[in-house]
């Protein structure tokens, strides 16, 4: 198990196969689907009513964080990066206990959280591409078999 970011591992070519999110127009690999980035908070929290808005995000090097902050700036909404962590499980734990809200792929939002939007004064966020990336120099029958199962699993 390796806890480094997929981006770093891809750059070093240490992965045979990975699923990554990319900006539209930055397609490396095979498109599995497009999905919206959404605002979310714990069900019984009213984090979206706080000012400044406390966010739990994956740091300013993540384009999702940049998009979320840019959207809030454009709306004139005050926010602060209360929790800045590359670990999705840590971000989810922080949101789950009501310390902050986040912007995540819609499919990653647990059912017991609330998805927020325009009605709560939050700007709509863009679509992301979910991509399957294969190592260019390490094709193998096992990797290709796994890739085909992943592709099938992402079909509607």
C-alpha atoms as a PDB file:
ATOM      1  CA  UNK A   1       0.000   0.000   0.000  1.00  0.00           C
ATOM      2  CA  UNK A   2       1.264   3.452  -0.883  1.00  0.00           C
ATOM      3  CA  UNK A   3      -0.267   6.635   0.523  1.00  0.00           C
ATOM      4  CA  UNK A   4       1.305   9.039  -1.961  1.00  0.00           C
ATOM      5  CA  UNK A   5      -0.964  10.864  -4.376  1.00  0.00           C
ATOM      6  CA  UNK A   6      -1.835   9.088  -7.605  1.00  0.00           C
ATOM      7  CA  UNK A   7      -0.492  12.067  -9.518  1.00  0.00           C
ATOM      8  CA  UNK A   8       2.978  11.648  -8.000  1.00  0.00           C
ATOM      9  CA  UNK A   9       2.931   7.893  -8.551  1.00  0.00           C
ATOM     10  CA  UNK A  10       1.822   8.377 -12.166  1.00  0.00           C
ATOM     11  CA  UNK A  11       4.605  10.862 -12.828  1.00  0.00           C
ATOM     12  CA  UNK A  12       7.129   8.313 -11.554  1.00  0.00           C
ATOM     13  CA  UNK A  13       5.348   5.551 -13.496  1.00  0.00           C
ATOM     14  CA  UNK A  14       4.989   3.486 -10.306  1.00  0.00           C
ATOM     15  CA  UNK A  15       1.392   2.428 -11.040  1.00  0.00           C
ATOM     16  CA  UNK A  16       0.187  -0.122 -13.552  1.00  0.00           C
ATOM     17  CA  UNK A  17      -3.388   1.172 -13.468  1.00  0.00           C
ATOM     18  CA  UNK A  18      -5.139   4.005 -11.646  1.00  0.00           C
ATOM     19  CA  UNK A  19      -8.365   5.988 -11.594  1.00  0.00           C
ATOM     20  CA  UNK A  20      -7.869   9.753 -11.433  1.00  0.00           C
ATOM     21  CA  UNK A  21      -9.931  12.908 -11.740  1.00  0.00           C
ATOM     22  CA  UNK A  22      -8.962  15.415 -14.396  1.00  0.00           C
ATOM     23  CA  UNK A  23     -10.138  18.788 -15.625  1.00  0.00           C
ATOM     24  CA  UNK A  24     -12.039  18.687 -18.918  1.00  0.00           C
ATOM     25  CA  UNK A  25      -9.455  19.209 -21.632  1.00  0.00           C
ATOM     26  CA  UNK A  26      -6.752  17.492 -19.546  1.00  0.00           C
ATOM     27  CA  UNK A  27      -7.599  13.967 -20.615  1.00  0.00           C
ATOM     28  CA  UNK A  28      -4.838  11.485 -20.027  1.00  0.00           C
ATOM     29  CA  UNK A  29      -6.118   7.943 -20.264  1.00  0.00           C
ATOM     30  CA  UNK A  30      -9.603   6.635 -20.937  1.00  0.00           C
ATOM     31  CA  UNK A  31     -12.704   8.582 -19.930  1.00  0.00           C
ATOM     32  CA  UNK A  32     -14.864   6.515 -17.569  1.00  0.00           C
ATOM     33  CA  UNK A  33     -17.471   9.231 -16.963  1.00  0.00           C
ATOM     34  CA  UNK A  34     -18.010  12.865 -16.146  1.00  0.00           C
ATOM     35  CA  UNK A  35     -19.249  13.789 -12.717  1.00  0.00           C
ATOM     36  CA  UNK A  36     -20.164  17.008 -10.963  1.00  0.00           C
ATOM     37  CA  UNK A  37     -18.226  18.424  -8.067  1.00  0.00           C
ATOM     38  CA  UNK A  38     -20.772  19.274  -5.337  1.00  0.00           C
ATOM     39  CA  UNK A  39     -20.863  21.061  -1.981  1.00  0.00           C
ATOM     40  CA  UNK A  40     -21.642  18.770   0.950  1.00  0.00           C
ATOM     41  CA  UNK A  41     -21.968  18.845   4.719  1.00  0.00           C
ATOM     42  CA  UNK A  42     -23.071  16.479   7.472  1.00  0.00           C
ATOM     43  CA  UNK A  43     -26.852  16.026   7.557  1.00  0.00           C
ATOM     44  CA  UNK A  44     -27.519  17.827  10.841  1.00  0.00           C
ATOM     45  CA  UNK A  45     -24.830  20.485  10.463  1.00  0.00           C
ATOM     46  CA  UNK A  46     -25.499  24.006   9.253  1.00  0.00           C
ATOM     47  CA  UNK A  47     -21.928  24.696   8.220  1.00  0.00           C
ATOM     48  CA  UNK A  48     -23.092  26.530   5.085  1.00  0.00           C
ATOM     49  CA  UNK A  49     -24.598  29.237   7.334  1.00  0.00           C
ATOM     50  CA  UNK A  50     -21.256  30.079   8.964  1.00  0.00           C
ATOM     51  CA  UNK A  51     -19.223  33.082   7.925  1.00  0.00           C
ATOM     52  CA  UNK A  52     -16.508  32.577   6.956  1.00  0.00           C
ATOM     53  CA  UNK A  53     -17.384  29.183   5.542  1.00  0.00           C
ATOM     54  CA  UNK A  54     -15.030  26.510   7.005  1.00  0.00           C
ATOM     55  CA  UNK A  55     -13.819  24.151   4.277  1.00  0.00           C
ATOM     56  CA  UNK A  56     -12.122  20.759   4.473  1.00  0.00           C
ATOM     57  CA  UNK A  57     -10.260  20.294   1.194  1.00  0.00           C
ATOM     58  CA  UNK A  58      -7.287  18.633  -0.456  1.00  0.00           C
ATOM     59  CA  UNK A  59      -5.011  21.672  -0.446  1.00  0.00           C
ATOM     60  CA  UNK A  60      -4.417  24.476  -2.929  1.00  0.00           C
ATOM     61  CA  UNK A  61      -2.457  22.235  -5.296  1.00  0.00           C
ATOM     62  CA  UNK A  62      -5.648  20.284  -6.033  1.00  0.00           C
ATOM     63  CA  UNK A  63      -7.616  21.810  -8.906  1.00  0.00           C
ATOM     64  CA  UNK A  64     -10.891  20.896  -7.141  1.00  0.00           C
ATOM     65  CA  UNK A  65      -9.894  23.111  -4.213  1.00  0.00           C
ATOM     66  CA  UNK A  66      -8.930  25.882  -6.614  1.00  0.00           C
ATOM     67  CA  UNK A  67     -12.282  25.595  -8.421  1.00  0.00           C
ATOM     68  CA  UNK A  68     -14.229  25.658  -5.150  1.00  0.00           C
ATOM     69  CA  UNK A  69     -12.312  28.687  -3.829  1.00  0.00           C
ATOM     70  CA  UNK A  70     -12.589  30.523  -7.158  1.00  0.00           C
ATOM     71  CA  UNK A  71     -16.353  29.887  -7.254  1.00  0.00           C
ATOM     72  CA  UNK A  72     -16.755  31.238  -3.710  1.00  0.00           C
ATOM     73  CA  UNK A  73     -14.571  34.255  -4.540  1.00  0.00           C
ATOM     74  CA  UNK A  74     -16.703  34.979  -7.625  1.00  0.00           C
ATOM     75  CA  UNK A  75     -19.833  34.778  -5.462  1.00  0.00           C
ATOM     76  CA  UNK A  76     -18.268  37.076  -2.850  1.00  0.00           C
ATOM     77  CA  UNK A  77     -18.608  34.396  -0.186  1.00  0.00           C
ATOM     78  CA  UNK A  78     -16.071  34.437   2.644  1.00  0.00           C
ATOM     79  CA  UNK A  79     -14.407  31.107   3.429  1.00  0.00           C
ATOM     80  CA  UNK A  80     -11.358  29.684   5.120  1.00  0.00           C
ATOM     81  CA  UNK A  81      -9.474  26.456   4.507  1.00  0.00           C
ATOM     82  CA  UNK A  82     -10.039  25.090   7.999  1.00  0.00           C
ATOM     83  CA  UNK A  83      -8.694  21.617   7.159  1.00  0.00           C
ATOM     84  CA  UNK A  84      -6.159  21.111   4.407  1.00  0.00           C
ATOM     85  CA  UNK A  85      -5.356  17.424   3.966  1.00  0.00           C
ATOM     86  CA  UNK A  86      -4.633  15.115   1.013  1.00  0.00           C
ATOM     87  CA  UNK A  87      -6.427  12.230   2.760  1.00  0.00           C
ATOM     88  CA  UNK A  88     -10.038  11.772   1.628  1.00  0.00           C
ATOM     89  CA  UNK A  89     -10.828   9.719   4.735  1.00  0.00           C
ATOM     90  CA  UNK A  90      -9.608  12.567   6.963  1.00  0.00           C
ATOM     91  CA  UNK A  91     -11.648  15.138   5.033  1.00  0.00           C
ATOM     92  CA  UNK A  92     -14.714  12.913   5.331  1.00  0.00           C
ATOM     93  CA  UNK A  93     -14.181  12.456   9.081  1.00  0.00           C
ATOM     94  CA  UNK A  94     -13.915  16.227   9.611  1.00  0.00           C
ATOM     95  CA  UNK A  95     -17.110  16.846   7.628  1.00  0.00           C
ATOM     96  CA  UNK A  96     -18.912  13.934   9.264  1.00  0.00           C
ATOM     97  CA  UNK A  97     -18.493  15.408  12.752  1.00  0.00           C
ATOM     98  CA  UNK A  98     -19.661  18.836  11.577  1.00  0.00           C
ATOM     99  CA  UNK A  99     -16.408  20.800  11.736  1.00  0.00           C
ATOM    100  CA  UNK A 100     -16.420  21.890   8.087  1.00  0.00           C
ATOM    101  CA  UNK A 101     -18.017  21.291   4.711  1.00  0.00           C
ATOM    102  CA  UNK A 102     -16.352  20.188   1.497  1.00  0.00           C
ATOM    103  CA  UNK A 103     -16.601  20.018  -2.271  1.00  0.00           C
ATOM    104  CA  UNK A 104     -16.365  16.437  -3.551  1.00  0.00           C
ATOM    105  CA  UNK A 105     -17.429  14.272  -6.444  1.00  0.00           C
ATOM    106  CA  UNK A 106     -21.126  13.575  -6.055  1.00  0.00           C
ATOM    107  CA  UNK A 107     -20.545   9.803  -5.968  1.00  0.00           C
ATOM    108  CA  UNK A 108     -18.257  10.206  -2.928  1.00  0.00           C
ATOM    109  CA  UNK A 109     -20.871  11.995  -0.813  1.00  0.00           C
ATOM    110  CA  UNK A 110     -22.279   9.593   1.814  1.00  0.00           C
ATOM    111  CA  UNK A 111     -26.057   9.153   1.892  1.00  0.00           C
ATOM    112  CA  UNK A 112     -26.272  10.639   5.380  1.00  0.00           C
ATOM    113  CA  UNK A 113     -24.787  13.969   4.201  1.00  0.00           C
ATOM    114  CA  UNK A 114     -26.582  16.856   2.494  1.00  0.00           C
ATOM    115  CA  UNK A 115     -25.675  18.062  -0.974  1.00  0.00           C
ATOM    116  CA  UNK A 116     -25.892  21.855  -1.087  1.00  0.00           C
ATOM    117  CA  UNK A 117     -26.263  24.318  -3.919  1.00  0.00           C
ATOM    118  CA  UNK A 118     -27.838  27.537  -5.119  1.00  0.00           C
ATOM    119  CA  UNK A 119     -30.692  27.332  -2.564  1.00  0.00           C
ATOM    120  CA  UNK A 120     -28.088  27.594   0.210  1.00  0.00           C
ATOM    121  CA  UNK A 121     -26.256  30.436  -1.530  1.00  0.00           C
ATOM    122  CA  UNK A 122     -23.456  28.269  -2.903  1.00  0.00           C
ATOM    123  CA  UNK A 123     -22.290  28.430  -6.513  1.00  0.00           C
ATOM    124  CA  UNK A 124     -22.626  25.495  -8.872  1.00  0.00           C
ATOM    125  CA  UNK A 125     -19.360  23.657  -9.424  1.00  0.00           C
ATOM    126  CA  UNK A 126     -18.108  22.189 -12.717  1.00  0.00           C
ATOM    127  CA  UNK A 127     -17.957  18.674 -14.080  1.00  0.00           C
ATOM    128  CA  UNK A 128     -14.799  16.585 -13.726  1.00  0.00           C
ATOM    129  CA  UNK A 129     -13.553  13.748 -15.878  1.00  0.00           C
ATOM    130  CA  UNK A 130     -12.942  10.429 -14.158  1.00  0.00           C
ATOM    131  CA  UNK A 131     -10.172   8.739 -16.104  1.00  0.00           C
ATOM    132  CA  UNK A 132      -8.606   5.294 -16.171  1.00  0.00           C
ATOM    133  CA  UNK A 133      -4.864   5.574 -16.765  1.00  0.00           C
ATOM    134  CA  UNK A 134      -2.665   2.630 -17.721  1.00  0.00           C
ATOM    135  CA  UNK A 135       1.116   2.549 -17.386  1.00  0.00           C
ATOM    136  CA  UNK A 136       2.366   3.084 -20.951  1.00  0.00           C
ATOM    137  CA  UNK A 137       5.221   0.580 -20.713  1.00  0.00           C
ATOM    138  CA  UNK A 138       3.737  -2.201 -18.583  1.00  0.00           C
ATOM    139  CA  UNK A 139       0.744  -3.741 -20.358  1.00  0.00           C
ATOM    140  CA  UNK A 140      -0.133  -7.186 -19.062  1.00  0.00           C
ATOM    141  CA  UNK A 141      -3.103  -9.539 -19.459  1.00  0.00           C
ATOM    142  CA  UNK A 142      -3.949  -9.183 -15.755  1.00  0.00           C
ATOM    143  CA  UNK A 143      -3.877  -5.381 -15.892  1.00  0.00           C
ATOM    144  CA  UNK A 144      -6.006  -5.355 -19.047  1.00  0.00           C
ATOM    145  CA  UNK A 145      -8.530  -7.749 -17.482  1.00  0.00           C
ATOM    146  CA  UNK A 146      -8.806  -5.518 -14.417  1.00  0.00           C
ATOM    147  CA  UNK A 147      -9.119  -2.444 -16.648  1.00  0.00           C
ATOM    148  CA  UNK A 148     -12.030  -4.024 -18.525  1.00  0.00           C
ATOM    149  CA  UNK A 149     -13.824  -4.813 -15.242  1.00  0.00           C
ATOM    150  CA  UNK A 150     -13.333  -1.226 -14.081  1.00  0.00           C
ATOM    151  CA  UNK A 151     -14.676   0.117 -17.381  1.00  0.00           C
ATOM    152  CA  UNK A 152     -17.748  -2.129 -17.098  1.00  0.00           C
ATOM    153  CA  UNK A 153     -18.301  -1.008 -13.511  1.00  0.00           C
ATOM    154  CA  UNK A 154     -18.446   2.642 -14.554  1.00  0.00           C
ATOM    155  CA  UNK A 155     -21.048   2.080 -17.259  1.00  0.00           C
ATOM    156  CA  UNK A 156     -24.529   3.431 -16.427  1.00  0.00           C
END
